[in-house]
């Protein structure tokens, strides 16, 4: 709706006078600009932060008032108000994992495009560290937080919600309708990987994983077990490691050398690279003797000694969509419609499963 003609316009004597008389220290604030332009303070804020939401005519009127009154935006003062700064938090499991590096790139690109900075941190798969980092982000008065939580307990993000900080779960499906999330169907991904191994003739299959307390590891295991059960074969062999790194994968591979399976499915590509190293050091041929498949399809999967088959996730896209969701909720917390978006993974077949 257009503002009433009875309200003061930019350039009118009355508008200039009321704007300048309304300040104690001689500076001009948003309220004075709003009075001069004949709009609300919220409209001025939108012109400064979200100009695409304001009509060109209104935007021109506000900018004219800003120029005439000499308004200078106080970025530091605005950032002190919780939820009103230009900074967001991003917390993932492991910043050294290329999967999360690609995901963070998607987040940062969106934030850069919309004038925000990102504070990045990791939980290191530690609930205590996760709690400390969430508290730190809240104390920094970030506008919102993107988080890959270790689990979705009822109080997991309570601290942030109590402080009015928007949150989006990233690479983790939310079960609460009031919580946004962007994730991949890891149960389907695990089933897809093991079904592929079965089609290649494997019958004795091992699953090498990180802690099953990590939702992604548990879901991929569930999908793998479902594929085994559907085929009518024996139980899935399991090797669970404390970390999901190449070193941990090599230790798991050395454990499997005592009784080699037909195939190995790893919960991520870093574990698969470690398993591959352990097998090749003992001259176990991959894929002729042991089929091997990873998960995430990181860039290094194609560059390993035997290029890895893997389950691909749209990693960069996950980051972009989650970042957009977060800023949309920050901009309109009352009218924002929460969404739980889940992508389907894709099987990528390479030499490690192709005899």
Protein backbone atom coordinates (compact mmCIF):
# COMPACT_ATOMS: atom_id res chain seq x y z
CA UNK A 1 0.00 0.00 0.00
CA UNK A 2 1.36 3.45 -0.88
CA UNK A 3 2.04 5.76 2.09
CA UNK A 4 -0.53 8.46 2.81
CA UNK A 5 0.03 11.85 1.13
CA UNK A 6 -0.32 13.53 4.53
CA UNK A 7 2.94 12.01 5.78
CA UNK A 8 6.12 14.10 5.41
CA UNK A 9 8.24 13.58 2.31
CA UNK A 10 11.98 13.62 1.85
CA UNK A 11 13.07 17.16 1.06
CA UNK A 12 10.25 18.89 2.97
CA UNK A 13 11.23 21.49 5.55
CA UNK A 14 9.18 19.78 8.24
CA UNK A 15 10.77 16.40 7.60
CA UNK A 16 14.31 17.76 7.84
CA UNK A 17 13.55 19.66 10.99
CA UNK A 18 11.90 16.76 12.82
CA UNK A 19 14.71 14.40 11.76
CA UNK A 20 17.49 16.56 13.12
CA UNK A 21 15.65 17.67 16.23
CA UNK A 22 14.98 14.03 17.14
CA UNK A 23 18.64 13.16 17.80
CA UNK A 24 20.56 13.89 20.99
CA UNK A 25 24.10 13.73 19.64
CA UNK A 26 23.52 15.26 16.21
CA UNK A 27 23.59 11.94 14.36
CA UNK A 28 20.77 10.74 12.18
CA UNK A 29 19.09 7.40 12.87
CA UNK A 30 16.72 5.10 11.02
CA UNK A 31 13.65 6.69 12.65
CA UNK A 32 14.64 10.10 11.33
CA UNK A 33 15.19 8.71 7.82
CA UNK A 34 11.79 6.99 8.02
CA UNK A 35 10.08 10.23 9.04
CA UNK A 36 11.77 12.12 6.24
CA UNK A 37 10.87 9.53 3.61
CA UNK A 38 7.32 9.02 4.88
CA UNK A 39 7.77 5.31 5.49
CA UNK A 40 8.15 2.98 8.46
CA UNK A 41 11.46 2.23 10.16
CA UNK A 42 11.05 -1.34 8.95
CA UNK A 43 10.97 -0.16 5.34
CA UNK A 44 14.21 1.76 5.85
CA UNK A 45 15.74 -1.38 7.35
CA UNK A 46 14.64 -3.37 4.32
CA UNK A 47 16.20 -0.83 1.96
CA UNK A 48 19.49 -1.21 3.84
CA UNK A 49 19.42 -4.98 4.28
CA UNK A 50 16.95 -6.48 1.81
CA UNK A 51 16.40 -3.93 -0.98
CA UNK A 52 14.73 -6.48 -3.24
CA UNK A 53 11.72 -6.43 -0.90
CA UNK A 54 11.04 -2.72 -1.45
CA UNK A 55 9.46 -1.19 -4.55
CA UNK A 56 11.80 0.91 -6.72
CA UNK A 57 9.86 4.12 -6.03
CA UNK A 58 9.92 3.67 -2.26
CA UNK A 59 13.53 2.61 -2.34
CA UNK A 60 14.48 5.76 -4.29
CA UNK A 61 12.61 7.94 -1.78
CA UNK A 62 14.39 6.34 1.18
CA UNK A 63 17.80 6.63 -0.50
CA UNK A 64 17.10 10.28 -1.22
CA UNK A 65 16.33 10.88 2.45
CA UNK A 66 19.50 9.01 3.48
CA UNK A 67 21.57 11.20 1.18
CA UNK A 68 19.96 14.46 2.23
CA UNK A 69 20.13 13.77 5.97
CA UNK A 70 23.64 12.33 5.86
CA UNK A 71 22.63 9.05 7.49
CA UNK A 72 25.56 6.66 8.07
CA UNK A 73 24.78 3.08 8.98
CA UNK A 74 26.21 1.94 12.33
CA UNK A 75 27.06 -1.67 11.55
CA UNK A 76 28.67 -2.39 14.92
CA UNK A 77 25.66 -1.16 16.86
CA UNK A 78 23.24 -3.24 14.83
CA UNK A 79 25.35 -6.36 15.22
CA UNK A 80 25.14 -6.07 19.00
CA UNK A 81 21.46 -6.87 18.88
CA UNK A 82 20.96 -10.65 18.95
CA UNK A 83 19.69 -11.91 15.64
CA UNK A 84 20.20 -8.55 13.92
CA UNK A 85 23.87 -8.82 12.88
CA UNK A 86 25.40 -9.83 9.59
CA UNK A 87 27.09 -12.97 10.92
CA UNK A 88 25.90 -16.58 10.99
CA UNK A 89 27.41 -19.72 12.47
CA UNK A 90 28.18 -23.01 10.74
CA UNK A 91 29.02 -26.08 12.81
CA UNK A 92 29.79 -29.45 11.23
CA UNK A 93 31.39 -32.70 12.40
CA UNK A 94 34.84 -32.26 10.85
CA UNK A 95 36.17 -29.28 8.89
CA UNK A 96 39.03 -31.43 7.54
CA UNK A 97 36.61 -33.78 5.77
CA UNK A 98 36.30 -32.69 2.11
CA UNK A 99 32.57 -33.42 2.25
CA UNK A 100 32.08 -30.65 4.79
CA UNK A 101 34.50 -28.37 2.93
CA UNK A 102 32.29 -28.56 -0.16
CA UNK A 103 29.17 -28.09 1.94
CA UNK A 104 30.69 -25.02 3.61
CA UNK A 105 31.51 -23.56 0.18
CA UNK A 106 27.82 -23.64 -0.73
CA UNK A 107 26.91 -21.93 2.55
CA UNK A 108 29.58 -19.25 2.23
CA UNK A 109 28.70 -18.40 -1.37
CA UNK A 110 25.09 -17.65 -0.42
CA UNK A 111 26.13 -15.69 2.66
CA UNK A 112 28.60 -13.63 0.65
CA UNK A 113 25.96 -12.87 -1.98
CA UNK A 114 23.63 -11.59 0.75
CA UNK A 115 26.21 -9.64 2.72
CA UNK A 116 26.84 -12.02 5.63
CA UNK A 117 29.99 -13.45 7.18
CA UNK A 118 30.30 -17.04 8.46
CA UNK A 119 31.86 -18.28 11.71
CA UNK A 120 32.86 -21.91 11.09
CA UNK A 121 33.55 -24.50 13.78
CA UNK A 122 33.35 -28.26 14.26
CA UNK A 123 32.10 -30.60 16.95
CA UNK A 124 34.82 -33.18 16.32
CA UNK A 125 32.06 -35.76 16.93
CA UNK A 126 32.13 -34.72 20.62
CA UNK A 127 28.83 -33.82 22.33
CA UNK A 128 30.72 -31.67 24.86
CA UNK A 129 32.51 -29.74 22.15
CA UNK A 130 29.26 -29.35 20.25
CA UNK A 131 27.63 -27.84 23.34
CA UNK A 132 30.55 -25.43 23.90
CA UNK A 133 30.49 -24.26 20.29
CA UNK A 134 26.73 -23.70 20.29
CA UNK A 135 27.09 -21.62 23.45
CA UNK A 136 29.94 -19.64 21.90
CA UNK A 137 27.90 -18.90 18.78
CA UNK A 138 24.99 -17.74 20.93
CA UNK A 139 27.30 -15.45 22.91
CA UNK A 140 28.60 -14.00 19.64
CA UNK A 141 25.00 -12.96 18.90
CA UNK A 142 25.00 -14.52 15.45
CA UNK A 143 21.90 -14.03 13.36
CA UNK A 144 21.40 -17.74 12.80
CA UNK A 145 23.17 -21.09 12.96
CA UNK A 146 23.52 -23.94 10.47
CA UNK A 147 24.39 -27.10 12.36
CA UNK A 148 25.09 -30.75 11.59
CA UNK A 149 24.15 -32.08 15.04
CA UNK A 150 25.44 -35.33 16.47
CA UNK A 151 21.87 -36.15 17.39
CA UNK A 152 18.51 -34.42 17.58
CA UNK A 153 17.64 -34.51 21.24
CA UNK A 154 14.75 -32.38 22.50
CA UNK A 155 17.16 -29.83 24.00
CA UNK A 156 19.88 -29.97 21.35
CA UNK A 157 19.23 -26.52 19.94
CA UNK A 158 17.30 -25.15 22.92
CA UNK A 159 19.96 -22.59 23.85
CA UNK A 160 19.79 -20.98 20.42
CA UNK A 161 15.99 -20.98 20.22
CA UNK A 162 15.71 -19.38 23.67
CA UNK A 163 17.83 -16.49 22.42
CA UNK A 164 15.74 -16.04 19.29
CA UNK A 165 18.48 -17.35 16.98
CA UNK A 166 17.21 -19.11 13.84
CA UNK A 167 18.56 -22.62 13.20
CA UNK A 168 18.66 -25.00 10.24
CA UNK A 169 19.82 -28.61 10.48
CA UNK A 170 22.27 -29.43 7.73
CA UNK A 171 22.90 -33.00 6.51
CA UNK A 172 20.50 -34.12 9.24
CA UNK A 173 16.74 -34.66 8.88
CA UNK A 174 14.60 -32.81 11.42
CA UNK A 175 11.69 -34.61 13.08
CA UNK A 176 10.08 -31.46 14.48
CA UNK A 177 7.75 -29.59 12.08
CA UNK A 178 8.97 -26.28 13.53
CA UNK A 179 12.57 -26.99 12.48
CA UNK A 180 14.06 -26.49 9.00
CA UNK A 181 16.46 -29.11 7.69
CA UNK A 182 18.25 -30.11 4.48
CA UNK A 183 19.49 -33.68 4.25
CA UNK A 184 20.05 -36.75 2.07
CA UNK A 185 18.25 -40.08 2.44
CA UNK A 186 21.17 -42.05 3.91
CA UNK A 187 19.09 -45.19 4.44
CA UNK A 188 18.45 -45.27 0.70
CA UNK A 189 22.14 -44.57 0.09
CA UNK A 190 23.29 -47.48 2.23
CA UNK A 191 20.80 -49.79 0.57
CA UNK A 192 21.95 -48.60 -2.85
CA UNK A 193 25.61 -49.28 -2.08
CA UNK A 194 25.12 -52.81 -0.77
CA UNK A 195 22.64 -53.74 -3.48
CA UNK A 196 25.33 -52.79 -6.00
CA UNK A 197 27.85 -55.08 -4.24
CA UNK A 198 25.34 -57.93 -4.24
CA UNK A 199 24.74 -57.44 -7.96
CA UNK A 200 28.49 -57.72 -8.45
CA UNK A 201 28.41 -61.16 -6.82
CA UNK A 202 29.41 -60.32 -3.22
CA UNK A 203 27.86 -62.41 -0.46
CA UNK A 204 30.05 -61.73 2.58
CA UNK A 205 29.94 -57.95 3.03
CA UNK A 206 31.59 -55.85 5.75
CA UNK A 207 30.43 -52.39 6.83
CA UNK A 208 33.20 -50.08 8.10
CA UNK A 209 31.75 -47.14 9.98
CA UNK A 210 32.33 -44.36 12.45
CA UNK A 211 30.37 -44.27 15.74
CA UNK A 212 26.77 -45.36 15.25
CA UNK A 213 25.75 -42.51 17.54
CA UNK A 214 26.31 -40.35 14.45
CA UNK A 215 22.99 -40.42 12.64
CA UNK A 216 24.51 -40.72 9.15
CA UNK A 217 26.50 -43.82 10.13
CA UNK A 218 23.45 -45.46 11.70
CA UNK A 219 21.21 -44.68 8.71
CA UNK A 220 23.72 -46.01 6.18
CA UNK A 221 24.07 -49.18 8.25
CA UNK A 222 20.26 -49.56 8.34
CA UNK A 223 20.10 -49.30 4.55
CA UNK A 224 22.94 -51.81 4.12
CA UNK A 225 21.26 -54.29 6.46
CA UNK A 226 17.98 -53.86 4.61
CA UNK A 227 19.66 -54.74 1.29
CA UNK A 228 21.26 -57.86 2.81
CA UNK A 229 17.96 -58.98 4.33
CA UNK A 230 16.06 -58.41 1.09
CA UNK A 231 18.57 -60.59 -0.77
CA UNK A 232 18.18 -63.38 1.80
CA UNK A 233 21.85 -63.58 2.75
CA UNK A 234 23.59 -63.63 6.13
CA UNK A 235 24.11 -60.72 8.48
CA UNK A 236 26.27 -57.73 7.65
CA UNK A 237 29.78 -57.86 9.12
CA UNK A 238 30.59 -54.67 11.03
CA UNK A 239 33.76 -52.83 12.01
CA UNK A 240 33.10 -49.64 13.99
CA UNK A 241 35.85 -47.07 14.43
CA UNK A 242 36.07 -44.05 16.75
CA UNK A 243 36.89 -41.73 13.82
CA UNK A 244 36.05 -41.51 10.12
CA UNK A 245 39.54 -40.80 8.76
CA UNK A 246 41.93 -42.61 6.37
CA UNK A 247 44.00 -43.75 9.36
CA UNK A 248 40.94 -45.29 10.99
CA UNK A 249 40.03 -46.91 7.68
CA UNK A 250 43.49 -48.44 7.41
CA UNK A 251 43.16 -49.91 10.91
CA UNK A 252 39.77 -51.36 9.95
CA UNK A 253 41.25 -52.82 6.76
CA UNK A 254 44.07 -54.44 8.71
CA UNK A 255 41.46 -55.99 11.00
CA UNK A 256 39.63 -57.43 7.98
CA UNK A 257 42.80 -59.04 6.60
CA UNK A 258 42.45 -61.91 9.10
CA UNK A 259 39.29 -63.06 7.30
CA UNK A 260 38.72 -61.23 4.05
CA UNK A 261 35.11 -60.49 3.05
CA UNK A 262 33.92 -60.43 -0.54
CA UNK A 263 33.23 -56.70 -0.33
CA UNK A 264 33.53 -53.69 1.96
CA UNK A 265 31.09 -50.78 2.23
CA UNK A 266 32.49 -47.76 4.07
CA UNK A 267 30.42 -45.01 5.70
CA UNK A 268 32.53 -42.37 3.95
CA UNK A 269 35.24 -42.11 1.30
CA UNK A 270 37.99 -41.30 3.80
CA UNK A 271 37.45 -44.64 5.52
CA UNK A 272 37.35 -46.37 2.13
CA UNK A 273 40.71 -44.85 1.17
CA UNK A 274 42.24 -46.21 4.37
CA UNK A 275 40.78 -49.66 3.78
CA UNK A 276 42.12 -49.59 0.23
CA UNK A 277 45.61 -48.73 1.49
CA UNK A 278 45.58 -51.63 3.96
CA UNK A 279 44.47 -54.10 1.29
CA UNK A 280 46.96 -52.95 -1.33
CA UNK A 281 49.87 -53.05 1.12
CA UNK A 282 49.14 -56.75 1.59
CA UNK A 283 48.75 -57.21 -2.17
CA UNK A 284 45.02 -57.90 -1.92
CA UNK A 285 43.66 -57.02 -5.35
CA UNK A 286 40.77 -54.56 -5.54
CA UNK A 287 38.28 -55.26 -7.06
CA UNK A 288 39.33 -58.76 -8.19
CA UNK A 289 39.50 -60.16 -4.64
CA UNK A 290 37.59 -57.54 -2.62
CA UNK A 291 35.02 -55.08 -3.91
CA UNK A 292 35.13 -51.67 -2.21
CA UNK A 293 32.65 -48.78 -2.15
CA UNK A 294 32.62 -45.52 -0.19
CA UNK A 295 30.15 -42.72 0.47
CA UNK A 296 30.06 -38.95 -0.29
CA UNK A 297 31.96 -39.07 -3.63
CA UNK A 298 34.55 -36.51 -2.54
CA UNK A 299 36.95 -35.16 -5.15
CA UNK A 300 39.76 -37.47 -4.01
CA UNK A 301 37.66 -40.59 -4.72
CA UNK A 302 38.65 -40.46 -8.39
CA UNK A 303 42.33 -39.90 -7.56
CA UNK A 304 42.90 -42.89 -5.27
CA UNK A 305 45.17 -45.79 -6.30
CA UNK A 306 42.03 -47.59 -7.46
CA UNK A 307 39.31 -45.02 -8.28
CA UNK A 308 36.52 -45.52 -5.75
CA UNK A 309 32.92 -46.31 -6.42
CA UNK A 310 30.85 -44.15 -4.10
CA UNK A 311 27.41 -42.84 -3.19
CA UNK A 312 27.21 -39.22 -4.25
CA UNK A 313 25.47 -36.46 -2.31
CA UNK A 314 24.68 -33.01 -3.79
CA UNK A 315 27.01 -31.47 -1.22
CA UNK A 316 27.41 -27.93 -2.53
CA UNK A 317 23.69 -27.69 -3.24
CA UNK A 318 22.91 -28.82 0.32
CA UNK A 319 24.93 -25.90 1.64
CA UNK A 320 23.31 -23.34 -0.64
CA UNK A 321 19.74 -24.42 0.09
CA UNK A 322 20.32 -24.59 3.85
CA UNK A 323 21.89 -21.12 3.83
CA UNK A 324 18.93 -19.72 1.91
CA UNK A 325 16.50 -21.33 4.35
CA UNK A 326 18.34 -19.81 7.29
CA UNK A 327 18.36 -16.26 5.94
CA UNK A 328 14.70 -16.52 4.91
CA UNK A 329 13.81 -17.46 8.49
CA UNK A 330 15.98 -14.65 9.87
CA UNK A 331 14.29 -12.11 7.59
CA UNK A 332 10.74 -13.22 8.33
CA UNK A 333 10.62 -15.35 11.52
CA UNK A 334 6.85 -15.00 11.88
CA UNK A 335 5.86 -15.80 8.31
CA UNK A 336 8.59 -18.29 7.44
CA UNK A 337 7.31 -21.76 6.47
CA UNK A 338 9.60 -24.44 7.90
CA UNK A 339 10.66 -27.12 5.43
CA UNK A 340 12.34 -30.50 5.79
CA UNK A 341 14.04 -31.06 2.42
CA UNK A 342 15.50 -34.49 1.69
CA UNK A 343 17.52 -35.31 -1.44
CA UNK A 344 18.07 -38.74 -2.94
CA UNK A 345 21.69 -39.94 -3.33
CA UNK A 346 23.24 -41.24 -6.55
CA UNK A 347 25.42 -44.31 -7.15
CA UNK A 348 28.73 -43.60 -8.92
CA UNK A 349 30.46 -46.75 -10.22
CA UNK A 350 34.23 -46.78 -10.75
CA UNK A 351 37.05 -49.34 -10.88
CA UNK A 352 36.89 -50.41 -7.21
CA UNK A 353 33.71 -52.41 -7.89
CA UNK A 354 34.24 -53.22 -11.56
CA UNK A 355 36.36 -56.38 -12.06
